[in-house]
Structure formats: C-alpha cells, structure tokens
Amino acid sequence: MKTKLRRIGSSLGVYLPKKIIDYLQVEEGKELQIVRTLNGVELTKLSDEAMKSLEIAKKIYAENEDLFLMLAND
C-alpha cells in the first residue's frame, strides 16, 4: 500500500487510506504516535491512558522547563 505526500498549508502530509484508518480504529481529530525505527517509521494509535499520561508529562515539563534544560546540558 502506498500514498503520496501532499501539500497541506505550508507543510507536507499524507492521506491515510480508509483501510489503514479502519485498522487503527481512529477518526478525525485523534492523535497518532509516530516513532522512528530502524526500517523507517511506525504509526500507532495512542490509547486514552497514554494520552492522559502524555498530557501530565507536558504539564510537568512546562512547569519545570528551566530545570529540564539545565539537566540536559550537564
């Protein structure tokens, strides 16, 4: 199965074939996780639990961004 890159505003994107959308059981507005692998990329649906954890992590990072940057530079 293949798809083409398409211009979406000032970015490039791909349209997912209906077969893939059905397989992932996703709908418009849902977030997908993109992970780089040795063979390319992997696209997966995030569970509701993973989404909650991600939101908590983003909040913690935002509240402590200076600390995380300091630790990363040491």
Protein backbone atom coordinates (compact mmCIF):
# COMPACT_ATOMS: atom_id res chain seq x y z
CA MET A 1 0.00 0.00 0.00
CA LYS A 2 1.32 3.45 -0.79
CA THR A 3 0.29 7.08 -0.54
CA LYS A 4 1.74 10.37 -1.77
CA LEU A 5 2.99 13.40 0.11
CA ARG A 6 0.63 16.33 -0.36
CA ARG A 7 0.84 19.99 0.49
CA ILE A 8 -1.34 20.89 3.49
CA GLY A 9 -0.97 24.62 4.08
CA SER A 10 2.76 25.28 4.37
CA SER A 11 3.50 21.70 5.42
CA LEU A 12 3.56 18.31 3.77
CA GLY A 13 1.31 15.49 4.87
CA VAL A 14 -0.08 12.15 3.85
CA TYR A 15 -3.64 10.99 3.49
CA LEU A 16 -4.20 7.64 5.15
CA PRO A 17 -6.17 5.14 3.09
CA LYS A 18 -9.51 4.10 4.58
CA LYS A 19 -8.16 0.59 5.10
CA ILE A 20 -5.46 1.96 7.47
CA ILE A 21 -7.92 4.24 9.27
CA ASP A 22 -10.22 1.28 9.86
CA TYR A 23 -7.29 -0.88 11.02
CA LEU A 24 -6.13 1.75 13.53
CA GLN A 25 -9.73 2.40 14.60
CA VAL A 26 -9.23 6.16 14.55
CA GLU A 27 -11.31 9.10 13.47
CA GLU A 28 -10.69 12.72 12.58
CA GLY A 29 -9.09 14.65 15.45
CA LYS A 30 -7.48 11.62 17.12
CA GLU A 31 -3.74 11.80 17.74
CA LEU A 32 -1.33 9.24 16.36
CA GLN A 33 2.15 8.42 17.63
CA ILE A 34 4.97 8.47 15.07
CA VAL A 35 8.12 6.62 16.12
CA ARG A 36 11.34 6.41 14.12
CA THR A 37 12.51 2.79 13.72
CA LEU A 38 15.46 1.11 12.04
CA ASN A 39 13.28 0.48 8.97
CA GLY A 40 11.53 3.86 8.76
CA VAL A 41 8.64 4.99 10.94
CA GLU A 42 5.85 3.33 12.86
CA LEU A 43 2.40 4.89 13.16
CA THR A 44 0.20 3.83 16.08
CA LYS A 45 -2.93 4.97 17.84
CA LEU A 46 -2.44 6.35 21.34
CA SER A 47 -4.64 4.78 24.00
CA ASP A 48 -6.72 7.07 26.21
CA GLU A 49 -4.40 6.16 29.11
CA ALA A 50 -1.32 7.08 27.08
CA MET A 51 -2.94 10.39 26.10
CA LYS A 52 -3.60 11.22 29.77
CA SER A 53 -0.02 10.34 30.68
CA LEU A 54 1.30 12.48 27.83
CA GLU A 55 -0.77 15.47 28.96
CA ILE A 56 0.55 15.09 32.53
CA ALA A 57 4.13 14.88 31.23
CA LYS A 58 3.64 18.01 29.09
CA LYS A 59 2.29 19.90 32.11
CA ILE A 60 5.21 18.81 34.32
CA TYR A 61 7.70 19.80 31.61
CA ALA A 62 6.06 23.20 31.08
CA GLU A 63 6.15 23.91 34.82
CA ASN A 64 9.82 22.83 35.10
CA GLU A 65 11.28 23.61 31.67
CA ASP A 66 14.31 25.50 33.06
CA LEU A 67 15.20 22.57 35.31
CA PHE A 68 14.92 20.04 32.47
CA LEU A 69 17.09 22.23 30.20
CA MET A 70 19.68 22.61 32.94
CA LEU A 71 19.79 18.84 33.50
CA ALA A 72 20.06 18.19 29.75
CA ASN A 73 23.07 20.50 29.46
CA ASP A 74 25.03 18.95 32.33
